[in-house]
Amino acid sequence: MTIMDYFRHPPDLKNLSPAQVNELSKNSDFSVIDVRTRFEFNNGHIDKSLHYSLGHEKEIAKQFGAGNKIVLVCKTGHRSRAAANRLHRMGVTNLQHLEGGIDRWRRENLPLTR
């Protein structure tokens, strides 16, 4: 991973609002993957989201493959963008991320699970 992964926007990465992610999280066709630390995840995450800390993109690619629909989530959107860059280089292209991260999710008063 390079520092630029935090700032580059992968070609096919779609930015989603909290409301859009909230709807997709109810859809079994999408996997919501939280790339924050375990501590952050345990202090509140989107219901049914899966935890894979940033740096575990090889595991995500292996587990979900290139064709699965993935929504990446972090605190502010930078780590999810970095994870998306790495996943994109591994051939995973059906990627979305929560623009503004969990911070924006909280500002919009959407529910979190502990």
PDB file of N, CA and C in Angstrom:
ATOM      1  N   MET A   1       0.849  -1.173   0.000  1.00  0.00           N
ATOM      2  CA  MET A   1       0.000   0.000   0.000  1.00  0.00           C
ATOM      3  C   MET A   1       0.894   1.235   0.000  1.00  0.00           C
ATOM      4  N   THR A   2       0.488   2.219  -0.774  1.00  0.00           N
ATOM      5  CA  THR A   2       1.226   3.480  -0.805  1.00  0.00           C
ATOM      6  C   THR A   2       0.365   4.585  -0.209  1.00  0.00           C
ATOM      7  N   ILE A   3       1.004   5.668   0.149  1.00  0.00           N
ATOM      8  CA  ILE A   3       0.270   6.815   0.701  1.00  0.00           C
ATOM      9  C   ILE A   3      -0.765   7.340  -0.295  1.00  0.00           C
ATOM     10  N   MET A   4      -0.495   7.213  -1.584  1.00  0.00           N
ATOM     11  CA  MET A   4      -1.425   7.704  -2.596  1.00  0.00           C
ATOM     12  C   MET A   4      -2.720   6.890  -2.636  1.00  0.00           C
ATOM     13  N   ASP A   5      -2.689   5.667  -2.123  1.00  0.00           N
ATOM     14  CA  ASP A   5      -3.916   4.865  -2.090  1.00  0.00           C
ATOM     15  C   ASP A   5      -5.014   5.545  -1.278  1.00  0.00           C
ATOM     16  N   TYR A   6      -4.619   6.372  -0.317  1.00  0.00           N
ATOM     17  CA  TYR A   6      -5.605   7.066   0.520  1.00  0.00           C
ATOM     18  C   TYR A   6      -6.300   8.203  -0.227  1.00  0.00           C
ATOM     19  N   PHE A   7      -5.693   8.676  -1.320  1.00  0.00           N
ATOM     20  CA  PHE A   7      -6.206   9.855  -2.006  1.00  0.00           C
ATOM     21  C   PHE A   7      -6.683   9.608  -3.425  1.00  0.00           C
ATOM     22  N   ARG A   8      -6.144   8.596  -4.080  1.00  0.00           N
ATOM     23  CA  ARG A   8      -6.585   8.264  -5.441  1.00  0.00           C
ATOM     24  C   ARG A   8      -7.948   7.604  -5.387  1.00  0.00           C
ATOM     25  N   HIS A   9      -8.737   7.922  -6.363  1.00  0.00           N
ATOM     26  CA  HIS A   9     -10.060   7.314  -6.456  1.00  0.00           C
ATOM     27  C   HIS A   9      -9.996   6.219  -7.527  1.00  0.00           C
ATOM     28  N   PRO A  10     -10.150   4.940  -7.134  1.00  0.00           N
ATOM     29  CA  PRO A  10     -10.104   3.876  -8.145  1.00  0.00           C
ATOM     30  C   PRO A  10     -11.117   4.135  -9.256  1.00  0.00           C
ATOM     31  N   PRO A  11     -10.796   3.712 -10.472  1.00  0.00           N
ATOM     32  CA  PRO A  11     -11.648   4.029 -11.633  1.00  0.00           C
ATOM     33  C   PRO A  11     -13.123   3.676 -11.477  1.00  0.00           C
ATOM     34  N   ASP A  12     -13.429   2.533 -10.901  1.00  0.00           N
ATOM     35  CA  ASP A  12     -14.824   2.093 -10.837  1.00  0.00           C
ATOM     36  C   ASP A  12     -15.463   2.241  -9.456  1.00  0.00           C
ATOM     37  N   LEU A  13     -14.767   2.864  -8.513  1.00  0.00           N
ATOM     38  CA  LEU A  13     -15.312   2.994  -7.159  1.00  0.00           C
ATOM     39  C   LEU A  13     -16.482   3.962  -7.162  1.00  0.00           C
ATOM     40  N   LYS A  14     -17.612   3.507  -6.625  1.00  0.00           N
ATOM     41  CA  LYS A  14     -18.810   4.345  -6.552  1.00  0.00           C
ATOM     42  C   LYS A  14     -18.942   4.907  -5.138  1.00  0.00           C
ATOM     43  N   ASN A  15     -19.152   6.207  -5.046  1.00  0.00           N
ATOM     44  CA  ASN A  15     -19.403   6.852  -3.758  1.00  0.00           C
ATOM     45  C   ASN A  15     -20.878   6.701  -3.422  1.00  0.00           C
ATOM     46  N   LEU A  16     -21.151   6.235  -2.204  1.00  0.00           N
ATOM     47  CA  LEU A  16     -22.538   6.069  -1.768  1.00  0.00           C
ATOM     48  C   LEU A  16     -22.802   6.903  -0.528  1.00  0.00           C
ATOM     49  N   SER A  17     -24.005   7.419  -0.434  1.00  0.00           N
ATOM     50  CA  SER A  17     -24.433   8.159   0.753  1.00  0.00           C
ATOM     51  C   SER A  17     -24.792   7.157   1.853  1.00  0.00           C
ATOM     52  N   PRO A  18     -24.868   7.614   3.104  1.00  0.00           N
ATOM     53  CA  PRO A  18     -25.313   6.723   4.163  1.00  0.00           C
ATOM     54  C   PRO A  18     -26.679   6.090   3.882  1.00  0.00           C
ATOM     55  N   ALA A  19     -27.606   6.850   3.328  1.00  0.00           N
ATOM     56  CA  ALA A  19     -28.932   6.297   3.021  1.00  0.00           C
ATOM     57  C   ALA A  19     -28.830   5.165   1.999  1.00  0.00           C
ATOM     58  N   GLN A  20     -27.965   5.335   0.992  1.00  0.00           N
ATOM     59  CA  GLN A  20     -27.790   4.286  -0.014  1.00  0.00           C
ATOM     60  C   GLN A  20     -27.162   3.033   0.609  1.00  0.00           C
ATOM     61  N   VAL A  21     -26.154   3.219   1.455  1.00  0.00           N
ATOM     62  CA  VAL A  21     -25.510   2.070   2.107  1.00  0.00           C
ATOM     63  C   VAL A  21     -26.495   1.387   3.043  1.00  0.00           C
ATOM     64  N   ASN A  22     -27.307   2.161   3.728  1.00  0.00           N
ATOM     65  CA  ASN A  22     -28.314   1.591   4.623  1.00  0.00           C
ATOM     66  C   ASN A  22     -29.248   0.665   3.856  1.00  0.00           C
ATOM     67  N   GLU A  23     -29.671   1.072   2.675  1.00  0.00           N
ATOM     68  CA  GLU A  23     -30.537   0.223   1.846  1.00  0.00           C
ATOM     69  C   GLU A  23     -29.788  -1.014   1.347  1.00  0.00           C
ATOM     70  N   LEU A  24     -28.559  -0.819   0.862  1.00  0.00           N
ATOM     71  CA  LEU A  24     -27.790  -1.951   0.346  1.00  0.00           C
ATOM     72  C   LEU A  24     -27.439  -2.956   1.444  1.00  0.00           C
ATOM     73  N   SER A  25     -27.288  -2.487   2.679  1.00  0.00           N
ATOM     74  CA  SER A  25     -26.939  -3.395   3.772  1.00  0.00           C
ATOM     75  C   SER A  25     -28.062  -4.390   4.050  1.00  0.00           C
ATOM     76  N   LYS A  26     -29.255  -4.082   3.581  1.00  0.00           N
ATOM     77  CA  LYS A  26     -30.405  -4.983   3.743  1.00  0.00           C
ATOM     78  C   LYS A  26     -30.506  -5.970   2.589  1.00  0.00           C
ATOM     79  N   ASN A  27     -29.652  -5.803   1.577  1.00  0.00           N
ATOM     80  CA  ASN A  27     -29.676  -6.605   0.364  1.00  0.00           C
ATOM     81  C   ASN A  27     -28.593  -7.676   0.449  1.00  0.00           C
ATOM     82  N   SER A  28     -28.981  -8.923   0.342  1.00  0.00           N
ATOM     83  CA  SER A  28     -28.018 -10.020   0.471  1.00  0.00           C
ATOM     84  C   SER A  28     -27.049 -10.109  -0.700  1.00  0.00           C
ATOM     85  N   ASP A  29     -27.270  -9.337  -1.758  1.00  0.00           N
ATOM     86  CA  ASP A  29     -26.346  -9.336  -2.894  1.00  0.00           C
ATOM     87  C   ASP A  29     -25.084  -8.526  -2.604  1.00  0.00           C
ATOM     88  N   PHE A  30     -25.089  -7.729  -1.544  1.00  0.00           N
ATOM     89  CA  PHE A  30     -23.973  -6.863  -1.222  1.00  0.00           C
ATOM     90  C   PHE A  30     -23.341  -7.280   0.098  1.00  0.00           C
ATOM     91  N   SER A  31     -22.017  -7.229   0.153  1.00  0.00           N
ATOM     92  CA  SER A  31     -21.287  -7.451   1.392  1.00  0.00           C
ATOM     93  C   SER A  31     -20.747  -6.107   1.859  1.00  0.00           C
ATOM     94  N   VAL A  32     -21.114  -5.712   3.072  1.00  0.00           N
ATOM     95  CA  VAL A  32     -20.596  -4.476   3.653  1.00  0.00           C
ATOM     96  C   VAL A  32     -19.383  -4.867   4.490  1.00  0.00           C
ATOM     97  N   ILE A  33     -18.225  -4.325   4.127  1.00  0.00           N
ATOM     98  CA  ILE A  33     -16.972  -4.661   4.794  1.00  0.00           C
ATOM     99  C   ILE A  33     -16.406  -3.418   5.457  1.00  0.00           C
ATOM    100  N   ASP A  34     -16.225  -3.508   6.766  1.00  0.00           N
ATOM    101  CA  ASP A  34     -15.703  -2.424   7.581  1.00  0.00           C
ATOM    102  C   ASP A  34     -14.195  -2.619   7.730  1.00  0.00           C
ATOM    103  N   VAL A  35     -13.399  -1.639   7.287  1.00  0.00           N
ATOM    104  CA  VAL A  35     -11.944  -1.779   7.316  1.00  0.00           C
ATOM    105  C   VAL A  35     -11.297  -0.989   8.460  1.00  0.00           C
ATOM    106  N   ARG A  36     -12.089  -0.585   9.437  1.00  0.00           N
ATOM    107  CA  ARG A  36     -11.532   0.109  10.601  1.00  0.00           C
ATOM    108  C   ARG A  36     -10.850  -0.901  11.534  1.00  0.00           C
ATOM    109  N   THR A  37     -10.313  -0.420  12.621  1.00  0.00           N
ATOM    110  CA  THR A  37      -9.691  -1.313  13.603  1.00  0.00           C
ATOM    111  C   THR A  37     -10.770  -2.105  14.329  1.00  0.00           C
ATOM    112  N   ARG A  38     -10.379  -3.184  14.966  1.00  0.00           N
ATOM    113  CA  ARG A  38     -11.323  -3.993  15.753  1.00  0.00           C
ATOM    114  C   ARG A  38     -11.972  -3.133  16.839  1.00  0.00           C
ATOM    115  N   PHE A  39     -11.202  -2.284  17.506  1.00  0.00           N
ATOM    116  CA  PHE A  39     -11.726  -1.407  18.552  1.00  0.00           C
ATOM    117  C   PHE A  39     -12.822  -0.501  17.995  1.00  0.00           C
ATOM    118  N   GLU A  40     -12.555   0.131  16.848  1.00  0.00           N
ATOM    119  CA  GLU A  40     -13.553   1.011  16.231  1.00  0.00           C
ATOM    120  C   GLU A  40     -14.802   0.224  15.853  1.00  0.00           C
ATOM    121  N   PHE A  41     -14.611  -0.943  15.250  1.00  0.00           N
ATOM    122  CA  PHE A  41     -15.727  -1.796  14.842  1.00  0.00           C
ATOM    123  C   PHE A  41     -16.582  -2.175  16.040  1.00  0.00           C
ATOM    124  N   ASN A  42     -15.948  -2.579  17.132  1.00  0.00           N
ATOM    125  CA  ASN A  42     -16.683  -2.999  18.328  1.00  0.00           C
ATOM    126  C   ASN A  42     -17.448  -1.859  18.985  1.00  0.00           C
ATOM    127  N   ASN A  43     -17.043  -0.622  18.727  1.00  0.00           N
ATOM    128  CA  ASN A  43     -17.732   0.530  19.305  1.00  0.00           C
ATOM    129  C   ASN A  43     -18.895   1.019  18.458  1.00  0.00           C
ATOM    130  N   GLY A  44     -19.242   0.286  17.425  1.00  0.00           N
ATOM    131  CA  GLY A  44     -20.410   0.608  16.608  1.00  0.00           C
ATOM    132  C   GLY A  44     -20.137   0.403  15.143  1.00  0.00           C
ATOM    133  N   HIS A  45     -20.934  -0.466  14.531  1.00  0.00           N
ATOM    134  CA  HIS A  45     -20.779  -0.764  13.105  1.00  0.00           C
ATOM    135  C   HIS A  45     -22.153  -0.951  12.476  1.00  0.00           C
ATOM    136  N   ILE A  46     -22.171  -0.937  11.164  1.00  0.00           N
ATOM    137  CA  ILE A  46     -23.403  -1.147  10.411  1.00  0.00           C
ATOM    138  C   ILE A  46     -23.825  -2.595  10.599  1.00  0.00           C
ATOM    139  N   ASP A  47     -25.100  -2.800  10.888  1.00  0.00           N
ATOM    140  CA  ASP A  47     -25.628  -4.143  11.114  1.00  0.00           C
ATOM    141  C   ASP A  47     -25.281  -5.060   9.938  1.00  0.00           C
ATOM    142  N   LYS A  48     -24.848  -6.246  10.236  1.00  0.00           N
ATOM    143  CA  LYS A  48     -24.481  -7.287   9.266  1.00  0.00           C
ATOM    144  C   LYS A  48     -23.188  -6.998   8.513  1.00  0.00           C
ATOM    145  N   SER A  49     -22.471  -5.925   8.881  1.00  0.00           N
ATOM    146  CA  SER A  49     -21.195  -5.672   8.216  1.00  0.00           C
ATOM    147  C   SER A  49     -20.152  -6.649   8.748  1.00  0.00           C
ATOM    148  N   LEU A  50     -19.156  -6.892   7.914  1.00  0.00           N
ATOM    149  CA  LEU A  50     -18.078  -7.811   8.248  1.00  0.00           C
ATOM    150  C   LEU A  50     -16.828  -7.006   8.533  1.00  0.00           C
ATOM    151  N   HIS A  51     -15.997  -7.499   9.447  1.00  0.00           N
ATOM    152  CA  HIS A  51     -14.787  -6.766   9.806  1.00  0.00           C
ATOM    153  C   HIS A  51     -13.541  -7.387   9.191  1.00  0.00           C
ATOM    154  N   TYR A  52     -12.828  -6.582   8.416  1.00  0.00           N
ATOM    155  CA  TYR A  52     -11.505  -6.918   7.877  1.00  0.00           C
ATOM    156  C   TYR A  52     -10.695  -5.625   7.971  1.00  0.00           C
ATOM    157  N   SER A  53      -9.812  -5.531   8.939  1.00  0.00           N
ATOM    158  CA  SER A  53      -9.015  -4.314   9.097  1.00  0.00           C
ATOM    159  C   SER A  53      -8.249  -3.987   7.825  1.00  0.00           C
ATOM    160  N   LEU A  54      -8.005  -2.699   7.608  1.00  0.00           N
ATOM    161  CA  LEU A  54      -7.187  -2.264   6.494  1.00  0.00           C
ATOM    162  C   LEU A  54      -5.870  -3.029   6.527  1.00  0.00           C
ATOM    163  N   GLY A  55      -5.456  -3.501   5.366  1.00  0.00           N
ATOM    164  CA  GLY A  55      -4.251  -4.315   5.277  1.00  0.00           C
ATOM    165  C   GLY A  55      -4.558  -5.774   5.019  1.00  0.00           C
ATOM    166  N   HIS A  56      -5.838  -6.141   5.110  1.00  0.00           N
ATOM    167  CA  HIS A  56      -6.267  -7.523   4.881  1.00  0.00           C
ATOM    168  C   HIS A  56      -7.012  -7.679   3.553  1.00  0.00           C
ATOM    169  N   GLU A  57      -6.620  -6.884   2.565  1.00  0.00           N
ATOM    170  CA  GLU A  57      -7.305  -6.904   1.278  1.00  0.00           C
ATOM    171  C   GLU A  57      -7.132  -8.237   0.553  1.00  0.00           C
ATOM    172  N   LYS A  58      -6.006  -8.905   0.743  1.00  0.00           N
ATOM    173  CA  LYS A  58      -5.820 -10.218   0.102  1.00  0.00           C
ATOM    174  C   LYS A  58      -6.872 -11.202   0.609  1.00  0.00           C
ATOM    175  N   GLU A  59      -7.167 -11.139   1.895  1.00  0.00           N
ATOM    176  CA  GLU A  59      -8.202 -12.009   2.470  1.00  0.00           C
ATOM    177  C   GLU A  59      -9.575 -11.662   1.890  1.00  0.00           C
ATOM    178  N   ILE A  60      -9.852 -10.378   1.750  1.00  0.00           N
ATOM    179  CA  ILE A  60     -11.138  -9.952   1.180  1.00  0.00           C
ATOM    180  C   ILE A  60     -11.255 -10.464  -0.253  1.00  0.00           C
ATOM    181  N   ALA A  61     -10.210 -10.260  -1.051  1.00  0.00           N
ATOM    182  CA  ALA A  61     -10.235 -10.701  -2.453  1.00  0.00           C
ATOM    183  C   ALA A  61     -10.411 -12.214  -2.536  1.00  0.00           C
ATOM    184  N   LYS A  62      -9.742 -12.939  -1.677  1.00  0.00           N
ATOM    185  CA  LYS A  62      -9.842 -14.401  -1.673  1.00  0.00           C
ATOM    186  C   LYS A  62     -11.235 -14.859  -1.246  1.00  0.00           C
ATOM    187  N   GLN A  63     -11.774 -14.218  -0.214  1.00  0.00           N
ATOM    188  CA  GLN A  63     -13.076 -14.602   0.332  1.00  0.00           C
ATOM    189  C   GLN A  63     -14.233 -14.237  -0.594  1.00  0.00           C
ATOM    190  N   PHE A  64     -14.160 -13.070  -1.224  1.00  0.00           N
ATOM    191  CA  PHE A  64     -15.309 -12.562  -1.979  1.00  0.00           C
ATOM    192  C   PHE A  64     -15.125 -12.595  -3.487  1.00  0.00           C
ATOM    193  N   GLY A  65     -13.916 -12.746  -3.966  1.00  0.00           N
ATOM    194  CA  GLY A  65     -13.678 -12.849  -5.402  1.00  0.00           C
ATOM    195  C   GLY A  65     -13.887 -11.549  -6.137  1.00  0.00           C
ATOM    196  N   ALA A  66     -13.620 -11.600  -7.420  1.00  0.00           N
ATOM    197  CA  ALA A  66     -13.651 -10.393  -8.251  1.00  0.00           C
ATOM    198  C   ALA A  66     -15.058  -9.911  -8.558  1.00  0.00           C
ATOM    199  N   GLY A  67     -16.029 -10.792  -8.626  1.00  0.00           N
ATOM    200  CA  GLY A  67     -17.351 -10.408  -9.093  1.00  0.00           C
ATOM    201  C   GLY A  67     -18.344  -9.988  -8.029  1.00  0.00           C
ATOM    202  N   ASN A  68     -18.049 -10.225  -6.762  1.00  0.00           N
ATOM    203  CA  ASN A  68     -19.003  -9.885  -5.706  1.00  0.00           C
ATOM    204  C   ASN A  68     -19.140  -8.381  -5.521  1.00  0.00           C
ATOM    205  N   LYS A  69     -20.303  -7.972  -5.085  1.00  0.00           N
ATOM    206  CA  LYS A  69     -20.590  -6.561  -4.840  1.00  0.00           C
ATOM    207  C   LYS A  69     -20.173  -6.239  -3.413  1.00  0.00           C
ATOM    208  N   ILE A  70     -19.231  -5.323  -3.274  1.00  0.00           N
ATOM    209  CA  ILE A  70     -18.673  -4.985  -1.971  1.00  0.00           C
ATOM    210  C   ILE A  70     -18.857  -3.498  -1.695  1.00  0.00           C
ATOM    211  N   VAL A  71     -19.314  -3.191  -0.475  1.00  0.00           N
ATOM    212  CA  VAL A  71     -19.381  -1.818   0.012  1.00  0.00           C
ATOM    213  C   VAL A  71     -18.350  -1.714   1.130  1.00  0.00           C
ATOM    214  N   LEU A  72     -17.369  -0.836   0.964  1.00  0.00           N
ATOM    215  CA  LEU A  72     -16.326  -0.640   1.958  1.00  0.00           C
ATOM    216  C   LEU A  72     -16.672   0.538   2.860  1.00  0.00           C
ATOM    217  N   VAL A  73     -16.361   0.373   4.144  1.00  0.00           N
ATOM    218  CA  VAL A  73     -16.705   1.371   5.147  1.00  0.00           C
ATOM    219  C   VAL A  73     -15.499   1.605   6.051  1.00  0.00           C
ATOM    220  N   CYS A  74     -15.266   2.866   6.430  1.00  0.00           N
ATOM    221  CA  CYS A  74     -14.260   3.188   7.443  1.00  0.00           C
ATOM    222  C   CYS A  74     -14.771   4.397   8.233  1.00  0.00           C
ATOM    223  N   LYS A  75     -13.889   5.094   8.921  1.00  0.00           N
ATOM    224  CA  LYS A  75     -14.318   6.222   9.749  1.00  0.00           C
ATOM    225  C   LYS A  75     -14.687   7.448   8.916  1.00  0.00           C
ATOM    226  N   THR A  76     -13.820   7.807   7.943  1.00  0.00           N
ATOM    227  CA  THR A  76     -14.054   9.037   7.180  1.00  0.00           C
ATOM    228  C   THR A  76     -14.096   8.844   5.667  1.00  0.00           C
ATOM    229  N   GLY A  77     -13.706   7.671   5.184  1.00  0.00           N
ATOM    230  CA  GLY A  77     -13.694   7.401   3.747  1.00  0.00           C
ATOM    231  C   GLY A  77     -12.306   7.223   3.166  1.00  0.00           C
ATOM    232  N   HIS A  78     -11.271   7.601   3.909  1.00  0.00           N
ATOM    233  CA  HIS A  78      -9.910   7.479   3.388  1.00  0.00           C
ATOM    234  C   HIS A  78      -9.422   6.031   3.391  1.00  0.00           C
ATOM    235  N   ARG A  79      -9.633   5.319   4.480  1.00  0.00           N
ATOM    236  CA  ARG A  79      -9.174   3.924   4.538  1.00  0.00           C
ATOM    237  C   ARG A  79      -9.971   3.043   3.579  1.00  0.00           C
ATOM    238  N   SER A  80     -11.255   3.309   3.434  1.00  0.00           N
ATOM    239  CA  SER A  80     -12.045   2.503   2.488  1.00  0.00           C
ATOM    240  C   SER A  80     -11.580   2.755   1.055  1.00  0.00           C
ATOM    241  N   ARG A  81     -11.193   3.993   0.748  1.00  0.00           N
ATOM    242  CA  ARG A  81     -10.656   4.296  -0.576  1.00  0.00           C
ATOM    243  C   ARG A  81      -9.304   3.591  -0.766  1.00  0.00           C
ATOM    244  N   ALA A  82      -8.456   3.576   0.273  1.00  0.00           N
ATOM    245  CA  ALA A  82      -7.168   2.884   0.184  1.00  0.00           C
ATOM    246  C   ALA A  82      -7.382   1.385  -0.032  1.00  0.00           C
ATOM    247  N   ALA A  83      -8.325   0.796   0.699  1.00  0.00           N
ATOM    248  CA  ALA A  83      -8.641  -0.630   0.523  1.00  0.00           C
ATOM    249  C   ALA A  83      -9.160  -0.884  -0.891  1.00  0.00           C
ATOM    250  N   ALA A  84      -9.986   0.025  -1.390  1.00  0.00           N
ATOM    251  CA  ALA A  84     -10.528  -0.123  -2.742  1.00  0.00           C
ATOM    252  C   ALA A  84      -9.412  -0.088  -3.783  1.00  0.00           C
ATOM    253  N   ASN A  85      -8.432   0.780  -3.605  1.00  0.00           N
ATOM    254  CA  ASN A  85      -7.300   0.838  -4.529  1.00  0.00           C
ATOM    255  C   ASN A  85      -6.559  -0.484  -4.557  1.00  0.00           C
ATOM    256  N   ARG A  86      -6.283  -1.052  -3.403  1.00  0.00           N
ATOM    257  CA  ARG A  86      -5.578  -2.336  -3.355  1.00  0.00           C
ATOM    258  C   ARG A  86      -6.425  -3.442  -3.961  1.00  0.00           C
ATOM    259  N   LEU A  87      -7.707  -3.480  -3.631  1.00  0.00           N
ATOM    260  CA  LEU A  87      -8.591  -4.513  -4.176  1.00  0.00           C
ATOM    261  C   LEU A  87      -8.696  -4.390  -5.693  1.00  0.00           C
ATOM    262  N   HIS A  88      -8.769  -3.162  -6.173  1.00  0.00           N
ATOM    263  CA  HIS A  88      -8.847  -2.934  -7.618  1.00  0.00           C
ATOM    264  C   HIS A  88      -7.614  -3.508  -8.318  1.00  0.00           C
ATOM    265  N   ARG A  89      -6.438  -3.291  -7.734  1.00  0.00           N
ATOM    266  CA  ARG A  89      -5.208  -3.840  -8.318  1.00  0.00           C
ATOM    267  C   ARG A  89      -5.207  -5.367  -8.297  1.00  0.00           C
ATOM    268  N   MET A  90      -5.997  -5.966  -7.398  1.00  0.00           N
ATOM    269  CA  MET A  90      -6.101  -7.425  -7.313  1.00  0.00           C
ATOM    270  C   MET A  90      -7.202  -7.968  -8.223  1.00  0.00           C
ATOM    271  N   GLY A  91      -7.865  -7.086  -8.963  1.00  0.00           N
ATOM    272  CA  GLY A  91      -8.879  -7.520  -9.904  1.00  0.00           C
ATOM    273  C   GLY A  91     -10.303  -7.439  -9.397  1.00  0.00           C
ATOM    274  N   VAL A  92     -10.505  -6.937  -8.186  1.00  0.00           N
ATOM    275  CA  VAL A  92     -11.864  -6.767  -7.641  1.00  0.00           C
ATOM    276  C   VAL A  92     -12.349  -5.407  -8.122  1.00  0.00           C
ATOM    277  N   THR A  93     -13.436  -5.400  -8.879  1.00  0.00           N
ATOM    278  CA  THR A  93     -13.860  -4.141  -9.506  1.00  0.00           C
ATOM    279  C   THR A  93     -15.267  -3.677  -9.151  1.00  0.00           C
ATOM    280  N   ASN A  94     -16.083  -4.518  -8.553  1.00  0.00           N
ATOM    281  CA  ASN A  94     -17.446  -4.116  -8.211  1.00  0.00           C
ATOM    282  C   ASN A  94     -17.445  -3.550  -6.796  1.00  0.00           C
ATOM    283  N   LEU A  95     -16.869  -2.335  -6.663  1.00  0.00           N
ATOM    284  CA  LEU A  95     -16.643  -1.737  -5.352  1.00  0.00           C
ATOM    285  C   LEU A  95     -17.411  -0.440  -5.178  1.00  0.00           C
ATOM    286  N   GLN A  96     -17.961  -0.280  -3.997  1.00  0.00           N
ATOM    287  CA  GLN A  96     -18.611   0.949  -3.575  1.00  0.00           C
ATOM    288  C   GLN A  96     -18.009   1.311  -2.221  1.00  0.00           C
ATOM    289  N   HIS A  97     -18.143   2.576  -1.813  1.00  0.00           N
ATOM    290  CA  HIS A  97     -17.736   2.910  -0.449  1.00  0.00           C
ATOM    291  C   HIS A  97     -18.625   4.000   0.114  1.00  0.00           C
ATOM    292  N   LEU A  98     -18.685   4.010   1.445  1.00  0.00           N
ATOM    293  CA  LEU A  98     -19.500   4.977   2.169  1.00  0.00           C
ATOM    294  C   LEU A  98     -18.747   6.297   2.204  1.00  0.00           C
ATOM    295  N   GLU A  99     -19.205   7.245   1.405  1.00  0.00           N
ATOM    296  CA  GLU A  99     -18.567   8.556   1.348  1.00  0.00           C
ATOM    297  C   GLU A  99     -18.763   9.268   2.694  1.00  0.00           C
ATOM    298  N   GLY A 100     -17.659   9.677   3.301  1.00  0.00           N
ATOM    299  CA  GLY A 100     -17.730  10.334   4.608  1.00  0.00           C
ATOM    300  C   GLY A 100     -17.671   9.355   5.760  1.00  0.00           C
ATOM    301  N   GLY A 101     -17.718   8.071   5.457  1.00  0.00           N
ATOM    302  CA  GLY A 101     -17.537   7.026   6.457  1.00  0.00           C
ATOM    303  C   GLY A 101     -18.572   7.004   7.575  1.00  0.00           C
ATOM    304  N   ILE A 102     -18.197   6.288   8.631  1.00  0.00           N
ATOM    305  CA  ILE A 102     -19.081   6.140   9.797  1.00  0.00           C
ATOM    306  C   ILE A 102     -19.333   7.496  10.458  1.00  0.00           C
ATOM    307  N   ASP A 103     -18.387   8.422  10.353  1.00  0.00           N
ATOM    308  CA  ASP A 103     -18.630   9.762  10.910  1.00  0.00           C
ATOM    309  C   ASP A 103     -19.868  10.390  10.274  1.00  0.00           C
ATOM    310  N   ARG A 104     -19.987  10.298   8.962  1.00  0.00           N
ATOM    311  CA  ARG A 104     -21.170  10.846   8.268  1.00  0.00           C
ATOM    312  C   ARG A 104     -22.410  10.034   8.617  1.00  0.00           C
ATOM    313  N   TRP A 105     -22.258   8.709   8.704  1.00  0.00           N
ATOM    314  CA  TRP A 105     -23.365   7.825   9.089  1.00  0.00           C
ATOM    315  C   TRP A 105     -23.940   8.286  10.430  1.00  0.00           C
ATOM    316  N   ARG A 106     -23.055   8.561  11.382  1.00  0.00           N
ATOM    317  CA  ARG A 106     -23.503   9.018  12.715  1.00  0.00           C
ATOM    318  C   ARG A 106     -24.191  10.384  12.627  1.00  0.00           C
ATOM    319  N   ARG A 107     -23.611  11.294  11.838  1.00  0.00           N
ATOM    320  CA  ARG A 107     -24.221  12.631  11.694  1.00  0.00           C
ATOM    321  C   ARG A 107     -25.634  12.545  11.137  1.00  0.00           C
ATOM    322  N   GLU A 108     -25.893  11.520  10.321  1.00  0.00           N
ATOM    323  CA  GLU A 108     -27.226  11.349   9.738  1.00  0.00           C
ATOM    324  C   GLU A 108     -28.117  10.456  10.605  1.00  0.00           C
ATOM    325  N   ASN A 109     -27.658  10.182  11.821  1.00  0.00           N
ATOM    326  CA  ASN A 109     -28.430   9.455  12.842  1.00  0.00           C
ATOM    327  C   ASN A 109     -28.928   8.079  12.396  1.00  0.00           C
ATOM    328  N   LEU A 110     -28.086   7.377  11.647  1.00  0.00           N
ATOM    329  CA  LEU A 110     -28.427   6.021  11.250  1.00  0.00           C
ATOM    330  C   LEU A 110     -27.948   5.045  12.315  1.00  0.00           C
ATOM    331  N   PRO A 111     -28.605   3.903  12.442  1.00  0.00           N
ATOM    332  CA  PRO A 111     -28.308   2.990  13.555  1.00  0.00           C
ATOM    333  C   PRO A 111     -26.972   2.256  13.389  1.00  0.00           C
ATOM    334  N   LEU A 112     -26.349   2.018  14.528  1.00  0.00           N
ATOM    335  CA  LEU A 112     -25.133   1.217  14.596  1.00  0.00           C
ATOM    336  C   LEU A 112     -25.365   0.067  15.572  1.00  0.00           C
ATOM    337  N   THR A 113     -24.696  -1.025  15.336  1.00  0.00           N
ATOM    338  CA  THR A 113     -24.786  -2.220  16.173  1.00  0.00           C
ATOM    339  C   THR A 113     -23.485  -2.362  16.937  1.00  0.00           C
ATOM    340  N   ARG A 114     -23.576  -2.860  18.148  1.00  0.00           N
ATOM    341  CA  ARG A 114     -22.367  -3.143  18.950  1.00  0.00           C
ATOM    342  C   ARG A 114     -22.266  -4.619  19.193  1.00  0.00           C
TER     343      ARG A 114
END
